[in-house]
N, C-alpha and C. Protein backbone atom coordinates (compact mmCIF):
# COMPACT_ATOMS: atom_id res chain seq x y z
N MET A 1 78.84 102.81 101.14
CA MET A 1 80.01 103.63 101.41
C MET A 1 80.52 103.42 102.83
N ALA A 2 79.61 103.16 103.77
CA ALA A 2 80.01 103.01 105.17
C ALA A 2 80.49 101.60 105.48
N LEU A 3 80.24 100.65 104.62
CA LEU A 3 80.60 99.26 104.88
C LEU A 3 82.10 99.06 105.13
N PRO A 4 83.00 99.62 104.32
CA PRO A 4 84.43 99.46 104.62
C PRO A 4 84.82 100.06 105.97
N ALA A 5 84.27 101.21 106.31
CA ALA A 5 84.60 101.83 107.60
C ALA A 5 84.12 100.97 108.76
N VAL A 6 82.92 100.42 108.63
CA VAL A 6 82.38 99.55 109.68
C VAL A 6 83.23 98.29 109.78
N GLY A 7 83.61 97.72 108.65
CA GLY A 7 84.45 96.53 108.65
C GLY A 7 85.80 96.77 109.30
N ILE A 8 86.42 97.88 108.96
CA ILE A 8 87.71 98.22 109.56
C ILE A 8 87.57 98.42 111.06
N ALA A 9 86.56 99.16 111.47
CA ALA A 9 86.34 99.40 112.89
C ALA A 9 86.10 98.09 113.63
N LEU A 10 85.32 97.21 113.03
CA LEU A 10 85.01 95.93 113.66
C LEU A 10 86.26 95.09 113.84
N VAL A 11 87.10 95.02 112.81
CA VAL A 11 88.34 94.24 112.89
C VAL A 11 89.24 94.80 113.99
N VAL A 12 89.39 96.11 114.04
CA VAL A 12 90.28 96.72 115.04
C VAL A 12 89.71 96.52 116.45
N VAL A 13 88.42 96.72 116.62
CA VAL A 13 87.82 96.56 117.95
C VAL A 13 87.93 95.11 118.43
N ILE A 14 87.62 94.15 117.56
CA ILE A 14 87.74 92.74 117.95
C ILE A 14 89.18 92.41 118.33
N ALA A 15 90.13 92.89 117.55
CA ALA A 15 91.54 92.62 117.85
C ALA A 15 91.97 93.27 119.16
N VAL A 16 91.52 94.49 119.41
CA VAL A 16 91.87 95.17 120.66
C VAL A 16 91.31 94.40 121.85
N VAL A 17 90.06 93.97 121.75
CA VAL A 17 89.44 93.22 122.85
C VAL A 17 90.17 91.89 123.06
N LEU A 18 90.43 91.16 121.97
CA LEU A 18 91.14 89.88 122.10
C LEU A 18 92.54 90.07 122.67
N ALA A 19 93.22 91.09 122.22
CA ALA A 19 94.58 91.33 122.73
C ALA A 19 94.54 91.67 124.22
N ALA A 20 93.55 92.44 124.62
CA ALA A 20 93.43 92.81 126.04
C ALA A 20 93.08 91.59 126.89
N VAL A 21 92.19 90.76 126.40
CA VAL A 21 91.77 89.58 127.14
C VAL A 21 92.91 88.58 127.27
N THR A 22 93.71 88.45 126.24
CA THR A 22 94.81 87.48 126.25
C THR A 22 96.12 88.10 126.74
N ARG A 23 96.01 89.22 127.37
CA ARG A 23 97.16 89.90 128.00
C ARG A 23 98.25 90.32 127.03
N ARG A 24 97.82 90.65 125.83
CA ARG A 24 98.76 91.25 124.87
C ARG A 24 98.48 92.74 124.89
N ARG A 25 98.77 93.36 126.01
CA ARG A 25 98.40 94.76 126.23
C ARG A 25 99.08 95.71 125.24
N ARG A 26 100.30 95.42 124.89
CA ARG A 26 101.00 96.29 123.93
C ARG A 26 100.28 96.32 122.58
N ALA A 27 99.87 95.14 122.12
CA ALA A 27 99.16 95.08 120.84
C ALA A 27 97.81 95.78 120.95
N ALA A 28 97.13 95.61 122.08
CA ALA A 28 95.83 96.28 122.27
C ALA A 28 95.99 97.79 122.26
N VAL A 29 96.95 98.28 123.01
CA VAL A 29 97.17 99.72 123.09
C VAL A 29 97.64 100.26 121.73
N LEU A 30 98.52 99.54 121.08
CA LEU A 30 99.05 100.01 119.79
C LEU A 30 97.95 100.08 118.73
N ALA A 31 97.15 99.04 118.60
CA ALA A 31 96.07 99.04 117.60
C ALA A 31 95.07 100.15 117.89
N ALA A 32 94.69 100.29 119.16
CA ALA A 32 93.72 101.34 119.52
C ALA A 32 94.32 102.73 119.30
N ALA A 33 95.57 102.93 119.71
CA ALA A 33 96.19 104.24 119.56
C ALA A 33 96.36 104.62 118.09
N LEU A 34 96.73 103.66 117.25
CA LEU A 34 96.89 103.96 115.83
C LEU A 34 95.56 104.31 115.18
N ALA A 35 94.49 103.58 115.54
CA ALA A 35 93.17 103.88 114.98
C ALA A 35 92.67 105.24 115.45
N VAL A 36 92.81 105.52 116.72
CA VAL A 36 92.39 106.83 117.25
C VAL A 36 93.26 107.94 116.66
N GLY A 37 94.55 107.68 116.53
CA GLY A 37 95.45 108.66 115.93
C GLY A 37 95.09 108.97 114.49
N SER A 38 94.65 107.96 113.76
CA SER A 38 94.20 108.16 112.39
C SER A 38 93.00 109.09 112.34
N ALA A 39 92.02 108.81 113.17
CA ALA A 39 90.82 109.65 113.21
C ALA A 39 91.15 111.07 113.67
N ALA A 40 92.04 111.18 114.65
CA ALA A 40 92.43 112.50 115.15
C ALA A 40 93.18 113.30 114.09
N THR A 41 94.06 112.64 113.35
CA THR A 41 94.81 113.31 112.29
C THR A 41 93.88 113.81 111.19
N TRP A 42 92.94 112.97 110.79
CA TRP A 42 91.99 113.35 109.75
C TRP A 42 91.13 114.52 110.22
N THR A 43 90.61 114.43 111.44
CA THR A 43 89.75 115.49 111.98
C THR A 43 90.53 116.80 112.14
N ALA A 44 91.73 116.72 112.67
CA ALA A 44 92.54 117.93 112.85
C ALA A 44 92.84 118.59 111.52
N ALA A 45 93.10 117.79 110.50
CA ALA A 45 93.38 118.35 109.17
C ALA A 45 92.16 119.06 108.61
N LEU A 46 90.99 118.46 108.78
CA LEU A 46 89.76 119.10 108.29
C LEU A 46 89.50 120.41 109.02
N VAL A 47 89.69 120.39 110.33
CA VAL A 47 89.45 121.61 111.12
C VAL A 47 90.49 122.67 110.79
N ALA A 48 91.75 122.27 110.70
CA ALA A 48 92.82 123.24 110.42
C ALA A 48 92.67 123.87 109.05
N ASN A 49 92.11 123.14 108.12
CA ASN A 49 91.94 123.67 106.76
C ASN A 49 90.56 124.25 106.53
N ALA A 50 89.80 124.40 107.59
CA ALA A 50 88.46 125.01 107.52
C ALA A 50 87.56 124.31 106.51
N SER A 51 87.78 123.02 106.31
CA SER A 51 86.92 122.29 105.39
C SER A 51 86.05 121.29 106.13
N ALA A 52 85.97 121.45 107.44
CA ALA A 52 85.14 120.54 108.23
C ALA A 52 83.74 121.11 108.39
N ASP A 53 83.22 121.72 107.35
CA ASP A 53 81.92 122.35 107.42
C ASP A 53 80.79 121.43 107.01
N GLY A 54 81.07 120.17 106.83
CA GLY A 54 80.02 119.20 106.56
C GLY A 54 79.69 119.00 105.10
N HIS A 55 80.34 119.72 104.19
CA HIS A 55 79.97 119.55 102.78
C HIS A 55 80.30 118.15 102.27
N TRP A 56 81.21 117.44 102.91
CA TRP A 56 81.52 116.08 102.49
C TRP A 56 80.33 115.17 102.71
N SER A 57 79.59 115.41 103.77
CA SER A 57 78.46 114.54 104.06
C SER A 57 77.31 114.75 103.10
N ARG A 58 77.26 115.88 102.42
CA ARG A 58 76.17 116.16 101.48
C ARG A 58 76.58 115.88 100.03
N SER A 59 77.80 115.51 99.80
CA SER A 59 78.28 115.26 98.44
C SER A 59 77.89 113.86 98.00
N GLY A 60 77.61 113.74 96.72
CA GLY A 60 77.30 112.44 96.15
C GLY A 60 78.58 111.67 95.86
N PRO A 61 78.49 110.37 95.67
CA PRO A 61 79.68 109.55 95.40
C PRO A 61 80.48 110.03 94.18
N GLY A 62 79.79 110.50 93.14
CA GLY A 62 80.49 110.97 91.94
C GLY A 62 81.36 112.18 92.21
N SER A 63 80.85 113.12 92.99
CA SER A 63 81.64 114.31 93.28
C SER A 63 82.80 113.99 94.22
N LEU A 64 82.64 112.99 95.08
CA LEU A 64 83.75 112.61 95.96
C LEU A 64 84.86 111.92 95.19
N VAL A 65 84.49 111.14 94.18
CA VAL A 65 85.50 110.48 93.35
C VAL A 65 86.29 111.52 92.56
N ASP A 66 85.61 112.57 92.08
CA ASP A 66 86.27 113.60 91.29
C ASP A 66 86.99 114.65 92.14
N ALA A 67 86.76 114.64 93.44
CA ALA A 67 87.33 115.67 94.32
C ALA A 67 88.84 115.48 94.46
N THR A 68 89.50 116.58 94.71
CA THR A 68 90.94 116.55 94.97
C THR A 68 91.17 115.87 96.32
N PRO A 69 92.07 114.90 96.39
CA PRO A 69 92.30 114.24 97.68
C PRO A 69 92.95 115.19 98.67
N SER A 70 92.63 114.98 99.92
CA SER A 70 93.23 115.80 100.97
C SER A 70 94.71 115.45 101.09
N ARG A 71 95.53 116.45 101.22
CA ARG A 71 96.96 116.16 101.34
C ARG A 71 97.29 115.53 102.69
N TYR A 72 96.36 115.57 103.63
CA TYR A 72 96.59 114.96 104.94
C TYR A 72 96.03 113.55 105.02
N ALA A 73 95.39 113.09 103.95
CA ALA A 73 94.81 111.75 103.97
C ALA A 73 95.90 110.69 104.07
N ALA A 74 97.07 110.96 103.56
CA ALA A 74 98.14 109.96 103.59
C ALA A 74 98.54 109.63 105.02
N ALA A 75 98.71 110.62 105.87
CA ALA A 75 99.10 110.36 107.26
C ALA A 75 98.01 109.57 107.99
N ALA A 76 96.77 109.97 107.83
CA ALA A 76 95.68 109.26 108.48
C ALA A 76 95.55 107.84 107.92
N GLY A 77 95.73 107.69 106.63
CA GLY A 77 95.65 106.37 106.01
C GLY A 77 96.76 105.44 106.46
N LEU A 78 97.97 105.98 106.61
CA LEU A 78 99.08 105.16 107.08
C LEU A 78 98.88 104.71 108.52
N LEU A 79 98.36 105.60 109.36
CA LEU A 79 98.07 105.22 110.74
C LEU A 79 97.00 104.13 110.79
N LEU A 80 95.96 104.28 109.97
CA LEU A 80 94.90 103.28 109.93
C LEU A 80 95.41 101.96 109.38
N THR A 81 96.26 102.01 108.38
CA THR A 81 96.85 100.79 107.83
C THR A 81 97.69 100.09 108.88
N ALA A 82 98.46 100.85 109.64
CA ALA A 82 99.26 100.26 110.72
C ALA A 82 98.36 99.61 111.77
N ALA A 83 97.24 100.26 112.10
CA ALA A 83 96.29 99.67 113.05
C ALA A 83 95.75 98.35 112.52
N LEU A 84 95.46 98.29 111.22
CA LEU A 84 94.97 97.05 110.62
C LEU A 84 96.03 95.95 110.63
N VAL A 85 97.28 96.31 110.41
CA VAL A 85 98.35 95.32 110.44
C VAL A 85 98.51 94.74 111.85
N VAL A 86 98.47 95.60 112.86
CA VAL A 86 98.56 95.12 114.24
C VAL A 86 97.35 94.25 114.57
N ALA A 87 96.16 94.69 114.15
CA ALA A 87 94.94 93.91 114.39
C ALA A 87 95.03 92.55 113.71
N ALA A 88 95.51 92.52 112.48
CA ALA A 88 95.65 91.25 111.77
C ALA A 88 96.62 90.32 112.49
N SER A 89 97.69 90.88 113.02
CA SER A 89 98.66 90.03 113.74
C SER A 89 98.03 89.41 114.98
N VAL A 90 97.15 90.15 115.64
CA VAL A 90 96.44 89.60 116.80
C VAL A 90 95.49 88.50 116.37
N LEU A 91 94.75 88.72 115.28
CA LEU A 91 93.78 87.73 114.83
C LEU A 91 94.44 86.45 114.32
N VAL A 92 95.59 86.60 113.68
CA VAL A 92 96.28 85.44 113.11
C VAL A 92 97.03 84.66 114.18
N ASP A 93 97.38 85.30 115.27
CA ASP A 93 98.16 84.67 116.33
C ASP A 93 97.47 83.41 116.84
N GLY A 94 98.19 82.32 116.90
CA GLY A 94 97.64 81.05 117.34
C GLY A 94 97.31 80.97 118.81
N HIS A 95 97.79 81.90 119.60
CA HIS A 95 97.57 81.84 121.05
C HIS A 95 96.38 82.67 121.49
N VAL A 96 95.70 83.33 120.56
CA VAL A 96 94.64 84.25 120.93
C VAL A 96 93.52 83.57 121.70
N LEU A 97 93.05 82.44 121.23
CA LEU A 97 91.91 81.78 121.88
C LEU A 97 92.30 80.54 122.67
N ARG A 98 93.54 80.31 122.87
CA ARG A 98 93.95 79.12 123.60
C ARG A 98 93.57 79.27 125.07
N SER A 99 92.88 78.32 125.58
CA SER A 99 92.45 78.36 126.97
C SER A 99 93.64 78.07 127.87
N ARG A 100 93.79 78.88 128.88
CA ARG A 100 94.90 78.68 129.82
C ARG A 100 94.62 77.49 130.74
N VAL A 101 93.36 77.16 130.92
CA VAL A 101 93.00 76.07 131.84
C VAL A 101 93.00 74.73 131.12
N SER A 102 92.24 74.64 130.02
CA SER A 102 92.07 73.34 129.37
C SER A 102 93.07 73.08 128.25
N GLY A 103 93.73 74.12 127.76
CA GLY A 103 94.69 73.94 126.67
C GLY A 103 94.04 73.80 125.32
N ARG A 104 92.72 74.03 125.24
CA ARG A 104 92.00 73.92 123.96
C ARG A 104 92.41 75.04 123.02
N THR A 105 92.34 74.76 121.75
CA THR A 105 92.86 75.70 120.77
C THR A 105 91.87 76.72 120.27
N GLY A 106 90.60 76.61 120.59
CA GLY A 106 89.64 77.61 120.16
C GLY A 106 88.74 77.15 119.04
N GLY A 107 89.04 76.04 118.39
CA GLY A 107 88.18 75.45 117.39
C GLY A 107 87.82 76.36 116.23
N ALA A 108 86.51 76.39 115.93
CA ALA A 108 86.02 77.13 114.77
C ALA A 108 86.25 78.63 114.91
N ALA A 109 86.10 79.16 116.11
CA ALA A 109 86.32 80.60 116.31
C ALA A 109 87.76 80.97 115.96
N ARG A 110 88.68 80.11 116.32
CA ARG A 110 90.10 80.35 116.01
C ARG A 110 90.32 80.38 114.51
N VAL A 111 89.68 79.46 113.79
CA VAL A 111 89.82 79.40 112.33
C VAL A 111 89.24 80.65 111.68
N VAL A 112 88.07 81.08 112.16
CA VAL A 112 87.42 82.28 111.61
C VAL A 112 88.29 83.52 111.86
N LEU A 113 88.82 83.64 113.08
CA LEU A 113 89.67 84.80 113.38
C LEU A 113 90.95 84.80 112.54
N ALA A 114 91.57 83.64 112.40
CA ALA A 114 92.80 83.55 111.59
C ALA A 114 92.50 83.87 110.13
N ALA A 115 91.38 83.34 109.62
CA ALA A 115 91.01 83.63 108.22
C ALA A 115 90.72 85.11 108.04
N THR A 116 90.06 85.71 109.01
CA THR A 116 89.80 87.15 108.95
C THR A 116 91.11 87.93 108.95
N GLY A 117 92.03 87.54 109.82
CA GLY A 117 93.33 88.21 109.87
C GLY A 117 94.08 88.12 108.55
N TRP A 118 94.08 86.92 107.95
CA TRP A 118 94.78 86.76 106.67
C TRP A 118 94.06 87.51 105.55
N CYS A 119 92.74 87.61 105.62
CA CYS A 119 92.00 88.42 104.63
C CYS A 119 92.38 89.89 104.75
N VAL A 120 92.53 90.36 105.99
CA VAL A 120 92.94 91.75 106.20
C VAL A 120 94.33 91.97 105.60
N VAL A 121 95.25 91.04 105.85
CA VAL A 121 96.60 91.15 105.28
C VAL A 121 96.52 91.19 103.76
N ALA A 122 95.73 90.30 103.17
CA ALA A 122 95.60 90.26 101.71
C ALA A 122 95.01 91.56 101.17
N LEU A 123 94.01 92.11 101.85
CA LEU A 123 93.41 93.38 101.40
C LEU A 123 94.39 94.54 101.51
N VAL A 124 95.18 94.57 102.58
CA VAL A 124 96.17 95.65 102.73
C VAL A 124 97.22 95.56 101.63
N VAL A 125 97.74 94.36 101.40
CA VAL A 125 98.76 94.19 100.35
C VAL A 125 98.17 94.53 98.98
N THR A 126 96.97 94.05 98.71
CA THR A 126 96.33 94.32 97.42
C THR A 126 96.10 95.82 97.23
N SER A 127 95.63 96.49 98.27
CA SER A 127 95.38 97.93 98.12
C SER A 127 96.67 98.70 97.89
N TRP A 128 97.75 98.27 98.50
CA TRP A 128 99.02 98.97 98.29
C TRP A 128 99.57 98.70 96.90
N VAL A 129 99.45 97.47 96.43
CA VAL A 129 99.96 97.14 95.10
C VAL A 129 99.08 97.76 94.01
N ALA A 130 97.77 97.71 94.20
CA ALA A 130 96.85 98.23 93.18
C ALA A 130 96.89 99.75 93.08
N ASN A 131 97.33 100.41 94.11
CA ASN A 131 97.35 101.87 94.12
C ASN A 131 98.75 102.43 93.88
N LEU A 132 99.47 101.82 92.97
CA LEU A 132 100.78 102.35 92.62
C LEU A 132 100.60 103.76 92.08
N PRO A 133 101.56 104.63 92.32
CA PRO A 133 101.40 106.02 91.89
C PRO A 133 101.15 106.12 90.39
N GLY A 134 100.19 106.94 90.06
CA GLY A 134 99.89 107.21 88.66
C GLY A 134 100.32 108.62 88.32
N VAL A 135 99.57 109.23 87.46
CA VAL A 135 99.85 110.59 87.06
C VAL A 135 99.44 111.53 88.19
N ALA A 136 100.32 112.39 88.57
CA ALA A 136 100.03 113.36 89.62
C ALA A 136 99.11 114.44 89.08
N GLN A 137 98.43 115.11 89.99
CA GLN A 137 97.49 116.15 89.59
C GLN A 137 98.19 117.26 88.80
N ARG A 138 99.42 117.55 89.15
CA ARG A 138 100.14 118.64 88.50
C ARG A 138 100.87 118.19 87.24
N SER A 139 100.84 116.92 86.90
CA SER A 139 101.63 116.43 85.77
C SER A 139 101.31 117.15 84.47
N VAL A 140 100.07 117.53 84.27
CA VAL A 140 99.70 118.17 83.02
C VAL A 140 99.85 119.69 83.08
N GLY A 141 100.13 120.21 84.24
CA GLY A 141 100.24 121.66 84.41
C GLY A 141 101.65 122.16 84.17
N PRO A 142 101.82 123.46 84.29
CA PRO A 142 103.15 124.05 84.07
C PRO A 142 104.12 123.67 85.19
N ALA A 143 105.37 123.46 84.82
CA ALA A 143 106.41 123.13 85.79
C ALA A 143 107.04 124.42 86.31
N TRP A 144 107.49 124.38 87.54
CA TRP A 144 108.07 125.58 88.15
C TRP A 144 109.43 125.94 87.56
N GLN A 145 110.31 124.96 87.44
CA GLN A 145 111.70 125.25 87.07
C GLN A 145 111.83 125.99 85.74
N PRO A 146 111.17 125.58 84.66
CA PRO A 146 111.29 126.34 83.41
C PRO A 146 110.79 127.78 83.55
N GLN A 147 109.78 127.98 84.38
CA GLN A 147 109.27 129.34 84.59
C GLN A 147 110.31 130.20 85.29
N PHE A 148 111.04 129.62 86.22
CA PHE A 148 112.09 130.38 86.90
C PHE A 148 113.23 130.69 85.94
N ALA A 149 113.58 129.74 85.09
CA ALA A 149 114.65 129.98 84.12
C ALA A 149 114.26 131.12 83.17
N ASP A 150 113.01 131.13 82.71
CA ASP A 150 112.54 132.21 81.84
C ASP A 150 112.44 133.53 82.58
N ALA A 151 112.19 133.47 83.86
CA ALA A 151 111.98 134.69 84.65
C ALA A 151 113.28 135.40 85.00
N GLU A 152 114.38 134.71 84.90
CA GLU A 152 115.65 135.33 85.31
C GLU A 152 115.94 136.60 84.52
N ALA A 153 115.73 136.57 83.21
CA ALA A 153 115.99 137.76 82.39
C ALA A 153 115.06 138.90 82.78
N ARG A 154 113.80 138.58 83.04
CA ARG A 154 112.85 139.62 83.45
C ARG A 154 113.23 140.21 84.80
N CYS A 155 113.71 139.37 85.69
CA CYS A 155 114.08 139.85 87.02
C CYS A 155 115.37 140.69 86.99
N ARG A 156 116.28 140.37 86.09
CA ARG A 156 117.50 141.19 85.98
C ARG A 156 117.14 142.58 85.48
N ALA A 157 116.13 142.66 84.62
CA ALA A 157 115.70 143.96 84.11
C ALA A 157 114.94 144.76 85.17
N ASP A 158 114.18 144.09 86.01
CA ASP A 158 113.40 144.77 87.06
C ASP A 158 113.47 143.95 88.35
N PRO A 159 114.53 144.14 89.16
CA PRO A 159 114.72 143.33 90.38
C PRO A 159 113.61 143.50 91.43
N ASP A 160 112.82 144.54 91.34
CA ASP A 160 111.75 144.76 92.32
C ASP A 160 110.43 144.13 91.91
N ALA A 161 110.39 143.49 90.76
CA ALA A 161 109.14 142.91 90.26
C ALA A 161 108.75 141.67 91.06
N VAL A 162 107.49 141.33 90.97
CA VAL A 162 106.96 140.11 91.57
C VAL A 162 106.35 139.28 90.44
N LEU A 163 106.84 138.06 90.29
CA LEU A 163 106.39 137.19 89.20
C LEU A 163 105.28 136.26 89.66
N ARG A 164 104.43 135.91 88.75
CA ARG A 164 103.38 134.92 89.02
C ARG A 164 103.86 133.60 88.45
N VAL A 165 104.10 132.63 89.34
CA VAL A 165 104.55 131.31 88.94
C VAL A 165 103.35 130.38 89.06
N ARG A 166 103.02 129.71 87.96
CA ARG A 166 101.83 128.87 87.93
C ARG A 166 102.18 127.39 88.08
N ALA A 167 101.35 126.70 88.85
CA ALA A 167 101.39 125.25 88.98
C ALA A 167 99.97 124.82 89.30
N LEU A 168 99.30 124.19 88.34
CA LEU A 168 97.89 123.88 88.48
C LEU A 168 97.62 123.07 89.73
N PRO A 169 96.62 123.29 90.46
CA PRO A 169 95.62 124.34 90.33
C PRO A 169 95.99 125.61 91.09
N TRP A 170 97.23 125.73 91.51
CA TRP A 170 97.65 126.88 92.30
C TRP A 170 98.57 127.78 91.48
N ASP A 171 98.78 128.96 92.02
CA ASP A 171 99.85 129.82 91.52
C ASP A 171 100.43 130.56 92.71
N ALA A 172 101.62 131.08 92.52
CA ALA A 172 102.31 131.77 93.61
C ALA A 172 102.92 133.05 93.06
N HIS A 173 103.01 134.02 93.91
CA HIS A 173 103.67 135.29 93.56
C HIS A 173 105.04 135.27 94.22
N VAL A 174 106.07 135.30 93.38
CA VAL A 174 107.44 135.16 93.85
C VAL A 174 108.22 136.43 93.56
N PRO A 175 108.78 137.06 94.58
CA PRO A 175 109.59 138.27 94.35
C PRO A 175 110.85 137.92 93.56
N CYS A 176 111.24 138.83 92.70
CA CYS A 176 112.44 138.63 91.90
C CYS A 176 113.69 138.46 92.77
N ALA A 177 113.66 139.03 93.95
CA ALA A 177 114.81 138.87 94.85
C ALA A 177 115.08 137.39 95.14
N LEU A 178 114.02 136.59 95.24
CA LEU A 178 114.20 135.15 95.47
C LEU A 178 114.71 134.45 94.22
N VAL A 179 114.24 134.86 93.07
CA VAL A 179 114.67 134.25 91.82
C VAL A 179 116.16 134.53 91.60
N LEU A 180 116.56 135.75 91.81
CA LEU A 180 117.97 136.14 91.58
C LEU A 180 118.89 135.59 92.66
N ARG A 181 118.39 135.39 93.86
CA ARG A 181 119.21 134.88 94.95
C ARG A 181 119.67 133.46 94.66
N ASP A 182 118.84 132.66 94.00
CA ASP A 182 119.17 131.27 93.75
C ASP A 182 120.10 131.08 92.56
N ARG A 183 120.43 132.10 91.84
CA ARG A 183 121.31 131.98 90.68
C ARG A 183 122.73 132.24 91.02
C-alpha cells in the first residue's frame, strides 16, 4: 500500500533536487509547493472534518476500498498530479544532466531519468483515462427535484411545515418557506 506513495515522493524529490541543481528554481519550487500543498489540503480536510482520529491507519484494505471517498480528495489529488507533471517535465528535460563544463549529456543516468519521466506521464494519463466517471454514490438514491415537486402541495397546505428531503446517504430538513419561495 505504501509503495505508490514512496514512488511518488521519490520522483518529486529527485525532480526538485535536479531542478534546483540545474538552476530551474521555478520548477523546483513549483513541484515542491504542489506536493506540500497536496499533503496540507488532505491533512486540513481530515482535521476540519474530525476524521483525523487515526481510524484509517487501523482499517484493512477491504474496508478502505468500500469506504466513501473523501470529498476533499479531489483537490489534494489534483495538486499531487500537478506536482507529478512538473516533476516529469524536469526528468524528461534534456538539459537536466548536461555538464556546463564538459558539455557531456549525462549518459545512462540521463536515459534512466527520461524513461522515468515518460513512465510518470504514461501513468498519469492512464490513471485519468481509466478513472472515467462511473455511477455516482447517489445515483441509486432518491433525487431532490421530484421530492420538491411533490412537496409543493403539502407546503401550500401547511406553510410552516418542515419537510425531510432524502438523498442517500444523507437527508435534509427543508422549511416549506424555501420550497414555496422557489416556485
